[in-house]
Amino acid sequence: MAELIHTETLSEAWLDALEALVAAGGKAVHLAVSFTSAREDADVRAAFDEFVAEWRAGKRKPVLYPASTVANTLFPQALYRHGPGAEARERLYRLHARTMRVQKRYSKKDSYFDRLVNWPGAEGEPVNQLELLIDRMSKQLARTGPLSSAYELALSHPTDGVGGEARVYTPGVDRRLMSFPCLSHISLTLVGGKLHLSALYRNQDFIARAYGNYLGLARIGEFVAAETGCELGEVLCLATHADSGMGLSRQTATDLIKRCRSAGERQSRKLARV
């Protein structure tokens, strides 16, 4: 049964969703999670990363990664400097292409960001979907104002000149039932000067991936908003199938929730005393 979790920060959203999943037995369908701020609770993030570091030190399976590592597959924040502006975007795309050349020497895996800026187009011609979206939105803002419905969802090819959908899944390329890409597409809606982002995951692991997913999606939204002179609004992530932690026990998930909740409460008490 569908469930909606709505909070202000992405840290709260992830924690509330993970807790709901554990209470539901570890799995759910149509889990929608939204947050209205790209802000994080630094202590919750630190507690999560400490858990991951301990897990990795013990060489346990499955392999887990820090939140920033997962987020960088969606948006490599360190490569985007001195923006907004065309020069900052060009630098981002150039450095990313260089990074991918190195990465593919050791692995054939794509990244989500690579699909957003290097989507396999017709006859092998790559399409920079983010740049197309920024260009279309900027032109409309400069002329008659934004067409909000045009940026909500489209069933078009990225180069058709309509729609605000950034595609990840590529027909004819992605033929595996499991694994990459779990993220299918990202849609953008521009209303009242605010850019709202929604993302669809066919499967989402809430310990291994979800925190980093939310962080990366927020960064994509902030990037497009900054480059078009807008403000980031709501971020909504729908997982058609959600798992509290594939391969991890219920007790592990429960202990992680307690650790992160405790860290967040300590931060709240500090702020209350200031």
Protein backbone atom coordinates (compact mmCIF):
# COMPACT_ATOMS: atom_id res chain seq x y z
CA MET A 1 0.00 0.00 0.00
CA ALA A 2 1.27 3.47 -0.88
CA GLU A 3 2.73 5.59 1.90
CA LEU A 4 3.87 9.22 1.94
CA ILE A 5 6.51 10.55 4.31
CA HIS A 6 7.03 14.30 4.31
CA THR A 7 9.63 16.23 6.32
CA GLU A 8 11.68 19.40 6.09
CA THR A 9 15.22 18.03 5.82
CA LEU A 10 16.56 15.10 3.83
CA SER A 11 18.07 13.59 6.99
CA GLU A 12 14.67 13.48 8.68
CA ALA A 13 13.10 12.08 5.52
CA TRP A 14 15.57 9.22 5.31
CA LEU A 15 15.31 8.36 9.00
CA ASP A 16 11.49 8.43 9.04
CA ALA A 17 11.33 6.29 5.90
CA LEU A 18 13.81 3.73 7.20
CA GLU A 19 11.93 3.50 10.48
CA ALA A 20 8.63 3.01 8.63
CA LEU A 21 10.17 0.27 6.50
CA VAL A 22 11.48 -1.62 9.51
CA ALA A 23 8.06 -1.36 11.18
CA ALA A 24 6.45 -2.73 8.01
CA GLY A 25 8.71 -5.78 8.01
CA GLY A 26 11.55 -4.41 5.89
CA LYS A 27 9.83 -4.02 2.53
CA ALA A 28 7.21 -1.77 0.96
CA VAL A 29 5.76 -0.82 -2.41
CA HIS A 30 5.09 2.72 -3.58
CA LEU A 31 7.00 4.44 -0.80
CA ALA A 32 6.97 8.19 -1.50
CA VAL A 33 9.34 10.38 0.49
CA SER A 34 9.51 14.17 0.16
CA PHE A 35 11.46 16.96 1.82
CA THR A 36 11.26 20.72 1.40
CA SER A 37 14.85 21.58 2.16
CA ALA A 38 18.17 20.29 0.89
CA ARG A 39 19.56 20.85 4.38
CA GLU A 40 21.02 17.95 6.33
CA ASP A 41 21.42 17.20 10.01
CA ALA A 42 25.21 17.00 10.17
CA ASP A 43 25.14 14.72 13.23
CA VAL A 44 22.78 12.24 11.56
CA ARG A 45 25.02 12.17 8.50
CA ALA A 46 28.10 11.65 10.70
CA ALA A 47 26.40 8.82 12.61
CA PHE A 48 25.46 7.10 9.35
CA ASP A 49 28.98 7.43 7.94
CA GLU A 50 30.47 6.10 11.19
CA PHE A 51 28.24 3.05 10.89
CA VAL A 52 29.41 2.54 7.30
CA ALA A 53 33.08 2.93 8.30
CA GLU A 54 32.71 0.30 11.03
CA TRP A 55 30.91 -2.04 8.63
CA ARG A 56 33.63 -1.67 6.00
CA ALA A 57 36.41 -2.10 8.60
CA GLY A 58 34.88 -5.46 9.48
CA LYS A 59 34.88 -6.40 5.77
CA ARG A 60 31.24 -7.35 6.00
CA LYS A 61 28.86 -8.01 3.14
CA PRO A 62 27.15 -6.40 1.37
CA VAL A 63 29.62 -3.60 0.70
CA LEU A 64 28.37 -0.22 1.95
CA TYR A 65 29.57 3.25 0.95
CA PRO A 66 29.54 6.66 2.67
CA ALA A 67 26.65 8.96 1.79
CA SER A 68 28.90 11.27 -0.24
CA THR A 69 30.12 8.40 -2.44
CA VAL A 70 26.56 7.45 -3.37
CA ALA A 71 25.57 11.12 -3.86
CA ASN A 72 28.48 11.68 -6.23
CA THR A 73 27.09 9.07 -8.63
CA LEU A 74 24.14 11.45 -9.07
CA PHE A 75 25.97 14.77 -8.87
CA PRO A 76 29.76 15.15 -8.40
CA GLN A 77 29.58 18.26 -6.22
CA ALA A 78 33.36 18.79 -6.05
CA LEU A 79 33.51 19.32 -9.83
CA TYR A 80 30.99 22.18 -9.77
CA ARG A 81 32.84 25.30 -8.65
CA HIS A 82 32.46 29.04 -9.06
CA GLY A 83 28.91 28.79 -10.40
CA PRO A 84 26.37 29.52 -11.54
CA GLY A 85 27.24 30.25 -15.14
CA ALA A 86 28.16 28.66 -18.45
CA GLU A 87 31.85 28.44 -17.54
CA ALA A 88 31.13 26.55 -14.32
CA ARG A 89 28.85 24.13 -16.18
CA GLU A 90 31.40 23.56 -18.94
CA ARG A 91 34.07 22.86 -16.34
CA LEU A 92 31.77 20.41 -14.57
CA TYR A 93 31.06 18.47 -17.78
CA ARG A 94 34.71 18.50 -18.84
CA LEU A 95 36.06 17.25 -15.52
CA HIS A 96 33.35 14.62 -15.33
CA ALA A 97 34.25 13.31 -18.79
CA ARG A 98 37.88 13.07 -17.69
CA THR A 99 36.84 11.22 -14.53
CA MET A 100 34.73 8.75 -16.50
CA ARG A 101 37.62 7.97 -18.87
CA VAL A 102 39.74 7.00 -15.89
CA GLN A 103 36.92 5.09 -14.21
CA LYS A 104 36.14 3.01 -17.28
CA ARG A 105 39.71 1.76 -17.41
CA TYR A 106 38.91 -0.19 -14.28
CA SER A 107 35.16 -0.71 -14.58
CA LYS A 108 32.55 -0.60 -17.31
CA LYS A 109 29.89 0.75 -14.97
CA ASP A 110 28.03 3.93 -15.82
CA SER A 111 27.06 6.55 -13.26
CA TYR A 112 23.70 8.24 -12.99
CA PHE A 113 25.25 11.64 -13.62
CA ASP A 114 26.86 10.29 -16.78
CA ARG A 115 23.42 9.27 -18.05
CA LEU A 116 22.13 12.78 -17.31
CA VAL A 117 24.90 14.52 -19.26
CA ASN A 118 25.85 11.78 -21.72
CA TRP A 119 22.61 9.94 -22.50
CA PRO A 120 23.01 7.55 -25.47
CA GLY A 121 21.16 9.30 -28.29
CA ALA A 122 20.30 8.34 -31.83
CA GLU A 123 23.15 6.79 -33.80
CA GLY A 124 25.36 6.92 -30.74
CA GLU A 125 25.32 10.72 -30.44
CA PRO A 126 25.38 11.60 -26.69
CA VAL A 127 22.80 14.00 -25.26
CA ASN A 128 23.52 16.34 -22.35
CA GLN A 129 20.05 16.33 -20.84
CA LEU A 130 20.85 18.73 -18.00
CA GLU A 131 22.20 21.33 -20.39
CA LEU A 132 19.13 21.00 -22.62
CA LEU A 133 16.80 21.48 -19.66
CA ILE A 134 18.74 24.51 -18.39
CA ASP A 135 18.74 26.06 -21.87
CA ARG A 136 15.00 25.53 -22.44
CA MET A 137 14.03 26.80 -19.02
CA SER A 138 16.29 29.86 -19.20
CA LYS A 139 14.88 30.87 -22.61
CA GLN A 140 11.30 30.57 -21.44
CA LEU A 141 12.00 32.49 -18.25
CA ALA A 142 13.56 35.27 -20.32
CA ARG A 143 10.58 35.46 -22.69
CA THR A 144 7.04 34.75 -21.59
CA GLY A 145 7.72 33.11 -18.27
CA PRO A 146 7.97 29.43 -17.41
CA LEU A 147 5.54 26.85 -18.72
CA SER A 148 5.17 24.85 -15.55
CA SER A 149 3.39 21.87 -17.11
CA ALA A 150 6.08 21.56 -19.79
CA TYR A 151 8.60 20.66 -17.14
CA GLU A 152 6.53 18.15 -15.24
CA LEU A 153 6.63 14.94 -17.23
CA ALA A 154 7.04 13.98 -20.87
CA LEU A 155 7.13 10.80 -22.87
CA SER A 156 9.45 12.40 -25.37
CA HIS A 157 13.01 11.81 -26.49
CA PRO A 158 15.33 14.30 -24.72
CA THR A 159 16.12 16.07 -28.02
CA ASP A 160 12.47 16.59 -29.06
CA GLY A 161 12.52 20.04 -27.51
CA VAL A 162 9.66 19.47 -25.07
CA GLY A 163 9.33 18.15 -21.58
CA GLY A 164 11.30 18.38 -18.39
CA GLU A 165 12.23 14.78 -17.92
CA ALA A 166 15.82 13.63 -17.48
CA ARG A 167 16.05 10.00 -18.48
CA VAL A 168 18.34 7.41 -16.95
CA TYR A 169 16.96 4.12 -18.22
CA THR A 170 18.03 3.53 -21.81
CA PRO A 171 16.02 1.11 -23.99
CA GLY A 172 18.22 -1.37 -25.80
CA VAL A 173 21.11 -0.74 -23.41
CA ASP A 174 19.72 -1.58 -19.98
CA ARG A 175 18.56 -5.18 -20.21
CA ARG A 176 19.24 -6.46 -16.70
CA LEU A 177 16.30 -7.09 -14.40
CA MET A 178 18.34 -6.08 -11.34
CA SER A 179 21.21 -3.70 -10.58
CA PHE A 180 21.95 -0.46 -12.47
CA PRO A 181 19.94 1.58 -13.14
CA CYS A 182 17.55 1.50 -10.18
CA LEU A 183 16.75 5.17 -10.86
CA SER A 184 14.54 5.39 -13.94
CA HIS A 185 14.02 9.10 -14.47
CA ILE A 186 13.90 12.57 -12.92
CA SER A 187 11.14 15.09 -13.61
CA LEU A 188 11.18 18.84 -12.98
CA THR A 189 8.24 21.17 -12.34
CA LEU A 190 8.67 24.96 -12.22
CA VAL A 191 5.94 26.85 -10.36
CA GLY A 192 6.07 30.32 -8.82
CA GLY A 193 9.83 30.65 -9.16
CA LYS A 194 10.44 27.34 -7.40
CA LEU A 195 11.85 24.27 -9.06
CA HIS A 196 10.38 21.01 -7.75
CA LEU A 197 12.07 17.70 -8.47
CA SER A 198 10.63 14.19 -8.49
CA ALA A 199 12.50 10.94 -9.05
CA LEU A 200 11.32 7.41 -9.70
CA TYR A 201 13.27 4.39 -8.43
CA ARG A 202 12.18 0.91 -9.43
CA ASN A 203 14.08 -0.40 -6.40
CA GLN A 204 15.73 1.41 -3.50
CA ASP A 205 17.87 0.06 -0.66
CA PHE A 206 17.46 2.43 2.30
CA ILE A 207 20.68 1.59 4.13
CA ALA A 208 23.06 1.14 1.23
CA ARG A 209 21.70 3.86 -1.04
CA ALA A 210 18.77 6.04 0.03
CA TYR A 211 20.57 8.68 2.12
CA GLY A 212 23.09 9.26 -0.66
CA ASN A 213 20.28 9.19 -3.25
CA TYR A 214 18.42 11.98 -1.46
CA LEU A 215 21.61 14.01 -1.12
CA GLY A 216 22.45 13.59 -4.80
CA LEU A 217 18.93 14.44 -5.97
CA ALA A 218 18.93 17.59 -3.83
CA ARG A 219 22.24 18.60 -5.41
CA ILE A 220 20.84 18.11 -8.92
CA GLY A 221 17.86 20.26 -8.00
CA GLU A 222 20.04 22.98 -6.51
CA PHE A 223 22.29 22.92 -9.59
CA VAL A 224 19.44 23.40 -12.09
CA ALA A 225 17.76 25.97 -9.84
CA ALA A 226 20.95 28.02 -9.48
CA GLU A 227 21.70 27.88 -13.20
CA THR A 228 18.20 29.13 -14.11
CA GLY A 229 17.84 31.71 -11.34
CA CYS A 230 15.19 29.78 -9.42
CA GLU A 231 14.85 28.37 -5.91
CA LEU A 232 14.73 24.69 -5.09
CA GLY A 233 11.32 23.64 -3.83
CA GLU A 234 10.20 20.15 -2.87
CA VAL A 235 12.14 16.99 -3.65
CA LEU A 236 9.98 13.89 -4.00
CA CYS A 237 11.37 10.38 -4.38
CA LEU A 238 9.08 7.45 -5.20
CA ALA A 239 10.40 3.92 -4.74
CA THR A 240 8.11 1.42 -6.43
CA HIS A 241 9.85 -1.19 -4.29
CA ALA A 242 11.72 -0.24 -1.11
CA ASP A 243 13.89 -2.40 1.12
CA SER A 244 15.17 -1.38 4.55
CA GLY A 245 18.51 -3.04 3.82
CA MET A 246 18.98 -5.89 1.39
CA GLY A 247 21.11 -8.55 3.01
CA LEU A 248 21.10 -6.78 6.38
CA SER A 249 19.20 -7.95 9.45
CA ARG A 250 16.28 -6.16 11.08
CA GLN A 251 18.44 -5.69 14.18
CA THR A 252 21.14 -3.97 12.14
CA ALA A 253 18.61 -1.53 10.72
CA THR A 254 17.09 -0.93 14.16
CA ASP A 255 20.50 -0.24 15.71
CA LEU A 256 21.34 2.20 12.91
CA ILE A 257 18.08 4.08 13.45
CA LYS A 258 18.77 4.37 17.18
CA ARG A 259 22.30 5.62 16.54
CA CYS A 260 21.16 8.28 14.09
CA ARG A 261 18.16 9.33 16.21
CA SER A 262 20.43 9.74 19.22
CA ALA A 263 22.86 11.85 17.20
CA GLY A 264 20.05 14.08 15.94
CA GLU A 265 18.64 14.54 19.44
CA ARG A 266 22.05 15.56 20.78
CA GLN A 267 22.26 18.20 18.07
CA SER A 268 18.75 19.46 18.90
CA ARG A 269 19.68 19.83 22.57
CA LYS A 270 22.82 21.77 21.61
CA LEU A 271 20.80 24.16 19.46
CA ALA A 272 18.20 24.59 22.20
CA ARG A 273 20.92 25.75 24.63
CA VAL A 274 22.36 28.31 22.23
